[in-house]
N, C-alpha and C. Protein backbone atom coordinates (compact mmCIF):
# COMPACT_ATOMS: atom_id res chain seq x y z
N MET A 1 -17.83 132.82 -83.33
CA MET A 1 -18.05 134.24 -83.39
C MET A 1 -19.19 134.64 -82.45
N ASP A 2 -19.15 135.88 -82.04
CA ASP A 2 -20.17 136.42 -81.14
C ASP A 2 -21.14 137.29 -81.96
N TYR A 3 -22.36 136.84 -82.07
CA TYR A 3 -23.37 137.55 -82.86
C TYR A 3 -24.35 138.33 -82.00
N THR A 4 -23.94 138.67 -80.79
CA THR A 4 -24.81 139.42 -79.88
C THR A 4 -25.23 140.75 -80.49
N ALA A 5 -24.29 141.47 -81.09
CA ALA A 5 -24.62 142.77 -81.70
C ALA A 5 -25.61 142.60 -82.85
N LEU A 6 -25.48 141.53 -83.60
CA LEU A 6 -26.40 141.27 -84.71
C LEU A 6 -27.80 141.01 -84.17
N ARG A 7 -27.88 140.22 -83.11
CA ARG A 7 -29.19 139.96 -82.49
C ARG A 7 -29.80 141.25 -81.94
N GLU A 8 -28.97 142.09 -81.33
CA GLU A 8 -29.46 143.37 -80.80
C GLU A 8 -29.96 144.27 -81.92
N ARG A 9 -29.27 144.24 -83.06
CA ARG A 9 -29.70 145.04 -84.21
C ARG A 9 -31.07 144.57 -84.70
N MET A 10 -31.29 143.26 -84.71
CA MET A 10 -32.59 142.72 -85.09
C MET A 10 -33.67 143.24 -84.15
N ARG A 11 -33.38 143.26 -82.85
CA ARG A 11 -34.35 143.78 -81.88
C ARG A 11 -34.62 145.27 -82.10
N GLU A 12 -33.56 146.04 -82.36
CA GLU A 12 -33.73 147.48 -82.61
C GLU A 12 -34.68 147.73 -83.77
N LEU A 13 -34.57 146.90 -84.80
CA LEU A 13 -35.41 147.06 -85.99
C LEU A 13 -36.74 146.34 -85.86
N LYS A 14 -36.95 145.71 -84.70
CA LYS A 14 -38.17 144.94 -84.44
C LYS A 14 -38.36 143.84 -85.49
N LEU A 15 -37.24 143.20 -85.85
CA LEU A 15 -37.27 142.10 -86.82
C LEU A 15 -37.19 140.78 -86.07
N SER A 16 -38.14 139.91 -86.30
CA SER A 16 -38.03 138.57 -85.73
C SER A 16 -36.97 137.81 -86.52
N GLN A 17 -36.48 136.75 -85.93
CA GLN A 17 -35.50 135.92 -86.63
C GLN A 17 -36.12 135.37 -87.92
N LYS A 18 -37.38 135.01 -87.83
CA LYS A 18 -38.09 134.48 -89.00
C LYS A 18 -38.15 135.52 -90.12
N GLU A 19 -38.49 136.77 -89.78
CA GLU A 19 -38.61 137.83 -90.78
C GLU A 19 -37.24 138.20 -91.35
N ALA A 20 -36.22 138.27 -90.50
CA ALA A 20 -34.87 138.57 -90.98
C ALA A 20 -34.39 137.50 -91.95
N ALA A 21 -34.67 136.25 -91.64
CA ALA A 21 -34.29 135.14 -92.52
C ALA A 21 -35.02 135.25 -93.86
N LYS A 22 -36.31 135.48 -93.80
CA LYS A 22 -37.12 135.58 -95.01
C LYS A 22 -36.63 136.71 -95.92
N ARG A 23 -36.37 137.87 -95.34
CA ARG A 23 -35.92 139.02 -96.12
C ARG A 23 -34.53 138.83 -96.72
N SER A 24 -33.74 137.96 -96.11
CA SER A 24 -32.37 137.73 -96.61
C SER A 24 -32.26 136.40 -97.36
N TRP A 25 -33.38 135.85 -97.75
CA TRP A 25 -33.46 134.64 -98.58
C TRP A 25 -32.86 133.41 -97.90
N MET A 26 -33.11 133.27 -96.62
CA MET A 26 -32.66 132.09 -95.88
C MET A 26 -33.86 131.46 -95.21
N ASP A 27 -33.71 130.19 -94.85
CA ASP A 27 -34.70 129.54 -94.01
C ASP A 27 -34.42 129.97 -92.57
N GLU A 28 -35.46 130.00 -91.77
CA GLU A 28 -35.28 130.42 -90.37
C GLU A 28 -34.29 129.51 -89.65
N TRP A 29 -34.35 128.20 -89.91
CA TRP A 29 -33.45 127.27 -89.22
C TRP A 29 -32.00 127.52 -89.62
N GLN A 30 -31.77 127.94 -90.88
CA GLN A 30 -30.40 128.25 -91.31
C GLN A 30 -29.85 129.44 -90.53
N LEU A 31 -30.65 130.49 -90.42
CA LEU A 31 -30.21 131.68 -89.68
C LEU A 31 -29.99 131.33 -88.22
N SER A 32 -30.86 130.55 -87.66
CA SER A 32 -30.71 130.14 -86.26
C SER A 32 -29.39 129.40 -86.05
N ARG A 33 -29.08 128.46 -86.92
CA ARG A 33 -27.82 127.70 -86.81
C ARG A 33 -26.61 128.63 -86.91
N LYS A 34 -26.68 129.59 -87.79
CA LYS A 34 -25.57 130.52 -87.99
C LYS A 34 -25.40 131.43 -86.77
N LEU A 35 -26.51 131.94 -86.24
CA LEU A 35 -26.44 132.81 -85.06
C LEU A 35 -25.95 132.05 -83.83
N ASN A 36 -26.17 130.75 -83.81
CA ASN A 36 -25.73 129.92 -82.68
C ASN A 36 -24.34 129.33 -82.90
N GLY A 37 -23.70 129.66 -84.03
CA GLY A 37 -22.34 129.22 -84.28
C GLY A 37 -22.20 127.81 -84.83
N ALA A 38 -23.32 127.18 -85.22
CA ALA A 38 -23.26 125.82 -85.74
C ALA A 38 -22.75 125.78 -87.18
N SER A 39 -22.88 126.89 -87.89
CA SER A 39 -22.33 127.02 -89.24
C SER A 39 -22.02 128.49 -89.48
N GLY A 40 -21.19 128.76 -90.47
CA GLY A 40 -20.78 130.13 -90.73
C GLY A 40 -21.63 130.81 -91.79
N PHE A 41 -21.55 132.13 -91.81
CA PHE A 41 -22.24 132.92 -92.83
C PHE A 41 -21.38 132.98 -94.08
N THR A 42 -22.01 132.91 -95.24
CA THR A 42 -21.30 133.13 -96.49
C THR A 42 -21.21 134.64 -96.72
N GLN A 43 -20.34 135.04 -97.63
CA GLN A 43 -20.23 136.47 -97.95
C GLN A 43 -21.56 137.01 -98.46
N GLU A 44 -22.22 136.24 -99.30
CA GLU A 44 -23.51 136.66 -99.86
C GLU A 44 -24.55 136.85 -98.76
N GLU A 45 -24.59 135.93 -97.80
CA GLU A 45 -25.55 136.04 -96.69
C GLU A 45 -25.26 137.28 -95.85
N ILE A 46 -23.98 137.55 -95.61
CA ILE A 46 -23.60 138.74 -94.85
C ILE A 46 -24.08 140.00 -95.58
N LEU A 47 -23.85 140.07 -96.87
CA LEU A 47 -24.27 141.24 -97.64
C LEU A 47 -25.78 141.42 -97.63
N ARG A 48 -26.51 140.32 -97.77
CA ARG A 48 -27.99 140.41 -97.76
C ARG A 48 -28.49 140.85 -96.39
N LEU A 49 -27.91 140.29 -95.32
CA LEU A 49 -28.33 140.68 -93.97
C LEU A 49 -27.99 142.15 -93.70
N CYS A 50 -26.86 142.60 -94.18
CA CYS A 50 -26.49 144.01 -94.01
C CYS A 50 -27.50 144.92 -94.69
N GLU A 51 -27.95 144.51 -95.85
CA GLU A 51 -28.96 145.29 -96.56
C GLU A 51 -30.27 145.32 -95.77
N VAL A 52 -30.69 144.16 -95.31
CA VAL A 52 -31.95 144.04 -94.56
C VAL A 52 -31.88 144.82 -93.26
N MET A 53 -30.73 144.77 -92.58
CA MET A 53 -30.60 145.39 -91.26
C MET A 53 -29.93 146.75 -91.30
N GLU A 54 -29.76 147.29 -92.51
CA GLU A 54 -29.22 148.64 -92.68
C GLU A 54 -27.88 148.81 -91.97
N ILE A 55 -27.00 147.82 -92.16
CA ILE A 55 -25.66 147.85 -91.57
C ILE A 55 -24.70 148.39 -92.63
N PRO A 56 -24.03 149.50 -92.36
CA PRO A 56 -23.09 150.05 -93.35
C PRO A 56 -21.86 149.15 -93.52
N PRO A 57 -21.24 149.18 -94.70
CA PRO A 57 -20.08 148.33 -94.97
C PRO A 57 -18.97 148.46 -93.92
N GLY A 58 -18.75 149.65 -93.40
CA GLY A 58 -17.70 149.86 -92.43
C GLY A 58 -17.96 149.21 -91.08
N GLU A 59 -19.17 148.72 -90.85
CA GLU A 59 -19.53 148.11 -89.56
C GLU A 59 -19.72 146.60 -89.66
N ILE A 60 -19.44 146.01 -90.80
CA ILE A 60 -19.63 144.56 -90.97
C ILE A 60 -18.84 143.77 -89.93
N GLY A 61 -17.61 144.15 -89.70
CA GLY A 61 -16.77 143.44 -88.73
C GLY A 61 -17.37 143.44 -87.34
N PHE A 62 -17.97 144.55 -86.94
CA PHE A 62 -18.58 144.66 -85.61
C PHE A 62 -19.71 143.66 -85.44
N TYR A 63 -20.47 143.44 -86.47
CA TYR A 63 -21.63 142.55 -86.38
C TYR A 63 -21.33 141.10 -86.70
N PHE A 64 -20.34 140.83 -87.56
CA PHE A 64 -20.13 139.46 -88.03
C PHE A 64 -18.79 138.82 -87.65
N PHE A 65 -17.84 139.60 -87.17
CA PHE A 65 -16.51 139.02 -86.94
C PHE A 65 -15.94 139.31 -85.55
N ARG A 66 -16.82 139.40 -84.56
CA ARG A 66 -16.37 139.58 -83.17
C ARG A 66 -16.20 138.21 -82.54
N ARG A 67 -15.05 137.99 -81.96
CA ARG A 67 -14.80 136.71 -81.29
C ARG A 67 -15.48 136.67 -79.92
N LYS A 68 -15.91 135.48 -79.54
CA LYS A 68 -16.47 135.30 -78.20
C LYS A 68 -15.34 135.42 -77.20
N GLU A 69 -15.64 136.06 -76.10
CA GLU A 69 -14.63 136.23 -75.05
C GLU A 69 -14.64 135.08 -74.10
């Protein structure tokens, strides 16, 4: 998956990867692995990140389910 939009959203909110991970109850290394495609996000992690990053339910696909071109 392509998480470029998710990374851009973090930048817009001035959230470091460490802070985004902490607020969504993940370790920083877990979030890093997920953003780099080494492991997938669980539904619960997606929901927590959406809450932290103020992503509306209708935009989840844009941030979490875009295929790499």
